[in-house]
Amino acid sequence: MKRFVDLRHTQVDAAFAFYCTVTDSFEKHSGNQTWDSAADFMDDYRGSDIQRYKSLLPEWTFLAQGKS
C-alpha cells in the first residue's frame, strides 16, 4: 500500500513523499524521494500507475509551485 506523507511541517526541505507499507520504505522515483508539487512528482515518475499516485495527492500539491 502506498501512503502520502505530508512533510510541510517537518525539518525536511520538501513538501511530501510516498511511503510503501509493503517494502517498509520511502519510495524513490528518478533518484528523488521527496517533492514540492504534483508537477515535480509527475516529472520524476516513470511507470504506468500515475493515476494511482494522482488520486493520493491532495489538492494543495497541484496548486504548489515546485522547483522546476
N, C-alpha and C. Protein backbone atom coordinates (compact mmCIF):
# COMPACT_ATOMS: atom_id res chain seq x y z
N MET A 1 0.85 -1.17 0.00
CA MET A 1 0.00 0.00 0.00
C MET A 1 0.89 1.24 0.00
N LYS A 2 0.49 2.22 -0.75
CA LYS A 2 1.22 3.48 -0.82
C LYS A 2 0.56 4.50 0.09
N ARG A 3 1.37 5.25 0.79
CA ARG A 3 0.88 6.29 1.70
C ARG A 3 1.49 7.62 1.30
N PHE A 4 0.66 8.65 1.25
CA PHE A 4 1.12 10.00 1.04
C PHE A 4 1.60 10.53 2.39
N VAL A 5 2.78 11.15 2.42
CA VAL A 5 3.34 11.68 3.66
C VAL A 5 3.56 13.18 3.49
N ASP A 6 2.84 13.97 4.27
CA ASP A 6 2.96 15.43 4.24
C ASP A 6 4.18 15.84 5.07
N LEU A 7 5.13 16.47 4.41
CA LEU A 7 6.37 16.87 5.08
C LEU A 7 6.47 18.37 5.32
N ARG A 8 5.41 19.11 5.04
CA ARG A 8 5.48 20.57 5.10
C ARG A 8 5.84 21.10 6.47
N HIS A 9 5.48 20.42 7.53
CA HIS A 9 5.73 20.93 8.89
C HIS A 9 6.84 20.13 9.59
N THR A 10 7.81 19.72 8.80
CA THR A 10 8.96 19.00 9.35
C THR A 10 10.23 19.77 8.99
N GLN A 11 11.35 19.26 9.42
CA GLN A 11 12.62 19.91 9.10
C GLN A 11 13.17 19.48 7.75
N VAL A 12 12.43 18.63 7.05
CA VAL A 12 12.82 18.19 5.70
C VAL A 12 12.50 19.32 4.73
N ASP A 13 13.41 19.60 3.83
CA ASP A 13 13.22 20.68 2.86
C ASP A 13 12.45 20.18 1.64
N ALA A 14 11.21 19.74 1.87
CA ALA A 14 10.34 19.25 0.81
C ALA A 14 8.91 19.22 1.33
N ALA A 15 7.96 19.07 0.42
CA ALA A 15 6.56 19.13 0.81
C ALA A 15 5.94 17.76 1.08
N PHE A 16 6.36 16.74 0.32
CA PHE A 16 5.75 15.43 0.53
C PHE A 16 6.63 14.30 0.00
N ALA A 17 6.22 13.08 0.39
CA ALA A 17 6.88 11.86 -0.05
C ALA A 17 5.81 10.77 -0.12
N PHE A 18 6.20 9.63 -0.66
CA PHE A 18 5.33 8.46 -0.66
C PHE A 18 6.04 7.34 0.09
N TYR A 19 5.28 6.66 0.95
CA TYR A 19 5.81 5.56 1.74
C TYR A 19 5.11 4.28 1.31
N CYS A 20 5.88 3.22 1.10
CA CYS A 20 5.32 1.92 0.72
C CYS A 20 5.30 1.02 1.95
N THR A 21 4.11 0.58 2.34
CA THR A 21 3.99 -0.29 3.52
C THR A 21 4.40 -1.72 3.22
N VAL A 22 4.47 -2.10 1.96
CA VAL A 22 4.90 -3.45 1.59
C VAL A 22 6.40 -3.60 1.79
N THR A 23 7.17 -2.61 1.33
CA THR A 23 8.63 -2.66 1.46
C THR A 23 9.12 -1.96 2.72
N ASP A 24 8.21 -1.26 3.40
CA ASP A 24 8.53 -0.52 4.63
C ASP A 24 9.64 0.50 4.37
N SER A 25 9.44 1.25 3.27
CA SER A 25 10.45 2.25 2.90
C SER A 25 9.81 3.38 2.11
N PHE A 26 10.52 4.51 2.08
CA PHE A 26 10.08 5.61 1.25
C PHE A 26 10.39 5.29 -0.20
N GLU A 27 9.49 5.66 -1.08
CA GLU A 27 9.68 5.39 -2.50
C GLU A 27 10.67 6.36 -3.12
N LYS A 28 11.33 5.89 -4.16
CA LYS A 28 12.28 6.71 -4.90
C LYS A 28 11.88 6.68 -6.37
N HIS A 29 11.78 7.84 -6.98
CA HIS A 29 11.46 7.96 -8.40
C HIS A 29 12.45 8.92 -9.03
N SER A 30 13.13 8.46 -10.07
CA SER A 30 14.15 9.24 -10.77
C SER A 30 15.20 9.78 -9.80
N GLY A 31 15.52 9.00 -8.78
CA GLY A 31 16.54 9.39 -7.82
C GLY A 31 16.06 10.28 -6.70
N ASN A 32 14.81 10.66 -6.70
CA ASN A 32 14.26 11.55 -5.65
C ASN A 32 13.29 10.81 -4.75
N GLN A 33 13.27 11.19 -3.49
CA GLN A 33 12.34 10.63 -2.52
C GLN A 33 11.35 11.66 -1.99
N THR A 34 11.57 12.92 -2.29
CA THR A 34 10.67 13.97 -1.83
C THR A 34 10.39 14.94 -2.97
N TRP A 35 9.23 15.64 -2.86
CA TRP A 35 8.82 16.57 -3.91
C TRP A 35 8.11 17.76 -3.30
N ASP A 36 8.05 18.84 -4.06
CA ASP A 36 7.40 20.07 -3.61
C ASP A 36 6.05 20.30 -4.25
N SER A 37 5.77 19.62 -5.36
CA SER A 37 4.49 19.81 -6.05
C SER A 37 4.14 18.55 -6.83
N ALA A 38 2.88 18.46 -7.21
CA ALA A 38 2.44 17.34 -8.05
C ALA A 38 3.21 17.35 -9.37
N ALA A 39 3.44 18.52 -9.92
CA ALA A 39 4.17 18.62 -11.19
C ALA A 39 5.59 18.07 -11.05
N ASP A 40 6.26 18.38 -9.95
CA ASP A 40 7.60 17.84 -9.71
C ASP A 40 7.57 16.32 -9.65
N PHE A 41 6.59 15.78 -8.93
CA PHE A 41 6.48 14.33 -8.81
C PHE A 41 6.21 13.70 -10.18
N MET A 42 5.28 14.26 -10.93
CA MET A 42 4.93 13.69 -12.23
C MET A 42 6.10 13.76 -13.22
N ASP A 43 6.96 14.76 -13.08
CA ASP A 43 8.17 14.83 -13.90
C ASP A 43 9.12 13.68 -13.59
N ASP A 44 9.16 13.25 -12.33
CA ASP A 44 10.08 12.20 -11.90
C ASP A 44 9.52 10.79 -12.09
N TYR A 45 8.21 10.65 -12.07
CA TYR A 45 7.59 9.32 -12.10
C TYR A 45 7.75 8.67 -13.47
N ARG A 46 8.19 7.43 -13.46
CA ARG A 46 8.28 6.61 -14.66
C ARG A 46 7.52 5.34 -14.36
N GLY A 47 6.47 5.12 -15.08
CA GLY A 47 5.68 3.92 -14.85
C GLY A 47 4.29 4.08 -15.43
N SER A 48 3.47 3.09 -15.19
CA SER A 48 2.13 3.07 -15.77
C SER A 48 1.03 3.30 -14.73
N ASP A 49 1.39 3.67 -13.51
CA ASP A 49 0.42 3.78 -12.42
C ASP A 49 0.24 5.22 -11.93
N ILE A 50 0.45 6.20 -12.81
CA ILE A 50 0.40 7.62 -12.40
C ILE A 50 -0.97 7.99 -11.84
N GLN A 51 -2.04 7.41 -12.36
CA GLN A 51 -3.38 7.75 -11.85
C GLN A 51 -3.54 7.35 -10.39
N ARG A 52 -2.92 6.26 -10.00
CA ARG A 52 -2.98 5.83 -8.60
C ARG A 52 -2.32 6.88 -7.69
N TYR A 53 -1.16 7.35 -8.10
CA TYR A 53 -0.47 8.37 -7.32
C TYR A 53 -1.25 9.67 -7.31
N LYS A 54 -1.76 10.08 -8.46
CA LYS A 54 -2.52 11.33 -8.55
C LYS A 54 -3.73 11.30 -7.62
N SER A 55 -4.35 10.14 -7.47
CA SER A 55 -5.52 10.03 -6.59
C SER A 55 -5.15 10.19 -5.12
N LEU A 56 -3.88 9.98 -4.78
CA LEU A 56 -3.42 10.13 -3.40
C LEU A 56 -2.95 11.55 -3.07
N LEU A 57 -2.72 12.35 -4.12
CA LEU A 57 -2.20 13.70 -3.91
C LEU A 57 -3.33 14.66 -3.52
N PRO A 58 -3.17 15.39 -2.42
CA PRO A 58 -4.17 16.39 -2.05
C PRO A 58 -4.13 17.59 -3.01
N GLU A 59 -5.18 18.35 -3.02
CA GLU A 59 -5.31 19.48 -3.94
C GLU A 59 -4.16 20.47 -3.82
N TRP A 60 -3.66 20.70 -2.61
CA TRP A 60 -2.61 21.71 -2.45
C TRP A 60 -1.35 21.35 -3.23
N THR A 61 -1.10 20.06 -3.48
CA THR A 61 0.10 19.69 -4.24
C THR A 61 0.01 20.13 -5.69
N PHE A 62 -1.22 20.21 -6.22
CA PHE A 62 -1.42 20.66 -7.59
C PHE A 62 -1.33 22.18 -7.69
N LEU A 63 -1.57 22.87 -6.59
CA LEU A 63 -1.50 24.33 -6.57
C LEU A 63 -0.11 24.83 -6.20
N ALA A 64 0.69 23.96 -5.59
CA ALA A 64 2.02 24.33 -5.12
C ALA A 64 2.96 24.60 -6.29
N GLN A 65 3.86 25.52 -6.09
CA GLN A 65 4.90 25.80 -7.08
C GLN A 65 6.08 24.91 -6.75
N GLY A 66 6.50 24.14 -7.70
CA GLY A 66 7.62 23.22 -7.50
C GLY A 66 8.95 23.88 -7.76
N LYS A 67 9.96 23.07 -7.81
CA LYS A 67 11.32 23.55 -8.03
C LYS A 67 11.71 23.55 -9.50
N SER A 68 10.82 23.12 -10.37
CA SER A 68 11.13 23.03 -11.80
C SER A 68 11.40 24.37 -12.42
